[in-house]
Protein backbone atom coordinates (compact mmCIF):
# COMPACT_ATOMS: atom_id res chain seq x y z
CA MET A 1 -136.53 -230.18 -32.67
CA PRO A 2 -139.51 -228.45 -34.35
CA TRP A 3 -138.77 -225.30 -32.94
CA THR A 4 -135.52 -224.87 -35.54
CA ASP A 5 -137.55 -224.20 -37.91
CA ALA A 6 -138.07 -220.49 -36.69
CA LEU A 7 -134.14 -220.16 -36.74
CA ARG A 8 -132.29 -219.76 -39.91
CA GLU A 9 -128.29 -217.71 -40.40
CA LYS A 10 -127.80 -215.65 -43.39
CA ASP A 11 -125.00 -213.58 -43.67
CA GLY A 12 -123.48 -213.68 -40.57
CA ALA A 13 -126.73 -213.02 -38.63
CA VAL A 14 -128.98 -215.00 -37.14
CA PHE A 15 -133.05 -214.85 -37.74
CA ILE A 16 -135.77 -215.54 -35.68
CA ASP A 17 -139.77 -215.65 -35.70
CA LEU A 18 -141.61 -214.56 -33.04
CA GLU A 19 -144.83 -214.87 -32.07
CA VAL A 20 -145.12 -212.12 -29.32
CA THR A 21 -148.17 -211.48 -26.51
CA PRO A 22 -147.58 -207.87 -25.02
CA GLY A 23 -149.19 -207.00 -22.01
CA SER A 24 -148.56 -210.10 -19.84
CA LYS A 25 -148.34 -210.18 -16.73
CA ILE A 26 -144.98 -211.86 -16.63
CA ILE A 27 -142.04 -211.62 -18.95
CA GLN A 28 -141.23 -215.24 -20.06
CA VAL A 29 -138.59 -215.33 -23.31
CA PRO A 30 -139.43 -217.73 -24.88
CA SER A 31 -142.34 -218.86 -23.63
CA GLY A 32 -143.45 -222.00 -25.56
CA TYR A 33 -143.21 -223.06 -29.73
CA ASN A 34 -146.15 -222.63 -31.79
CA GLU A 35 -146.06 -225.29 -34.42
CA TRP A 36 -148.75 -224.47 -36.32
CA ARG A 37 -146.97 -220.92 -37.18
CA LYS A 38 -143.42 -222.42 -36.88
CA ARG A 39 -142.66 -219.33 -34.22
CA ILE A 40 -141.03 -219.17 -31.16
CA GLU A 41 -143.51 -217.42 -28.57
CA VAL A 42 -142.41 -214.50 -26.33
CA LYS A 43 -144.70 -212.55 -23.29
CA ILE A 44 -143.64 -209.37 -22.42
CA THR A 45 -145.19 -206.87 -20.14
CA ARG A 46 -145.32 -203.32 -21.78
CA ALA A 47 -148.26 -202.84 -23.99
CA ALA A 48 -147.77 -202.48 -28.02
CA GLN A 49 -147.81 -198.55 -28.05
CA LYS A 50 -145.75 -196.49 -29.83
CA GLY A 51 -142.87 -199.35 -29.87
CA LYS A 52 -142.52 -199.99 -26.43
CA ALA A 53 -143.10 -203.68 -26.99
CA ASN A 54 -140.47 -203.73 -29.48
CA GLU A 55 -137.84 -202.16 -27.27
CA GLN A 56 -138.57 -204.82 -24.87
CA ILE A 57 -138.48 -207.40 -26.79
CA ILE A 58 -134.92 -206.27 -28.11
CA GLU A 59 -133.99 -205.83 -24.26
CA GLU A 60 -135.14 -209.20 -23.77
CA ALA A 61 -133.10 -210.56 -26.87
CA ALA A 62 -130.00 -208.99 -25.74
CA ALA A 63 -129.86 -210.47 -22.72
CA LEU A 64 -130.99 -213.77 -23.67
CA PHE A 65 -128.30 -214.09 -26.11
CA ASN A 66 -125.66 -211.70 -24.13
CA VAL A 67 -125.24 -209.53 -27.04
CA PRO A 68 -125.31 -205.59 -26.91
CA LEU A 69 -128.63 -204.05 -27.87
CA CYS A 70 -127.31 -202.47 -31.07
CA ARG A 71 -126.72 -205.94 -32.23
CA ILE A 72 -130.59 -207.05 -32.60
CA PHE A 73 -132.97 -205.77 -35.21
CA ILE A 74 -136.47 -206.27 -35.89
CA GLU A 75 -136.46 -207.52 -39.33
CA ASN A 76 -140.22 -207.48 -40.44
CA GLY A 77 -143.76 -206.96 -38.14
CA MET A 78 -142.87 -203.66 -36.64
CA THR A 79 -146.54 -203.37 -35.96
CA SER A 80 -147.56 -206.99 -35.53
CA SER A 81 -147.49 -210.25 -32.91
CA LYS A 82 -145.45 -211.94 -36.29
CA LYS A 83 -142.05 -210.74 -35.72
CA THR A 84 -138.75 -211.69 -37.20
CA ILE A 85 -136.01 -210.40 -35.13
CA ARG A 86 -132.11 -210.13 -36.98
CA VAL A 87 -129.14 -211.22 -33.73
CA GLU A 88 -126.01 -210.31 -35.02
CA GLY A 89 -122.77 -211.38 -32.95
CA ILE A 90 -123.52 -214.75 -32.44
CA SER A 91 -123.77 -217.75 -34.42
CA LEU A 92 -126.96 -220.44 -35.17
CA ALA A 93 -125.22 -223.21 -33.03
CA GLU A 94 -124.81 -220.65 -30.42
CA VAL A 95 -128.42 -219.54 -30.59
CA GLN A 96 -130.09 -223.14 -30.61
CA LYS A 97 -127.95 -224.13 -27.62
CA ILE A 98 -129.33 -220.87 -25.77
CA LEU A 99 -133.13 -221.96 -26.97
CA GLU A 100 -132.60 -225.51 -26.45
CA LEU A 101 -132.27 -224.88 -22.39
CA LYS A 102 -135.04 -222.47 -22.42
CA LEU A 103 -137.89 -224.21 -24.50
C-alpha cells in the first residue's frame, strides 16, 4: 500500500501528509493519493482565505476518524496546499483501516 507512506506515528499521535485542493465543488476526504509527493489528496469546498480551508480540514478529519475537533492539529503547512495534520486519540492501525476503506 503506497499511500501508507503518507502516515507515521510518533509520541502517541498519527501524522498524515495531505495535499489539499480548496474551492472544490465537492468535499472528498480522502480523494486519492499522490504517489510523487507521497501525500493523501483531499478536496474541500471552502476557499483558502482567513483559515477557512484549514478549519474545514480539521472538521472533516475529525468526522472521518471519529475524534473530537480538539484532537486534530495542523502541524505544518498552515498557508500551503501541502499540509501535515496530527491526529491524537487514535492509533496508526485504526487510521490505516479507515483510510483503506476510502482509498
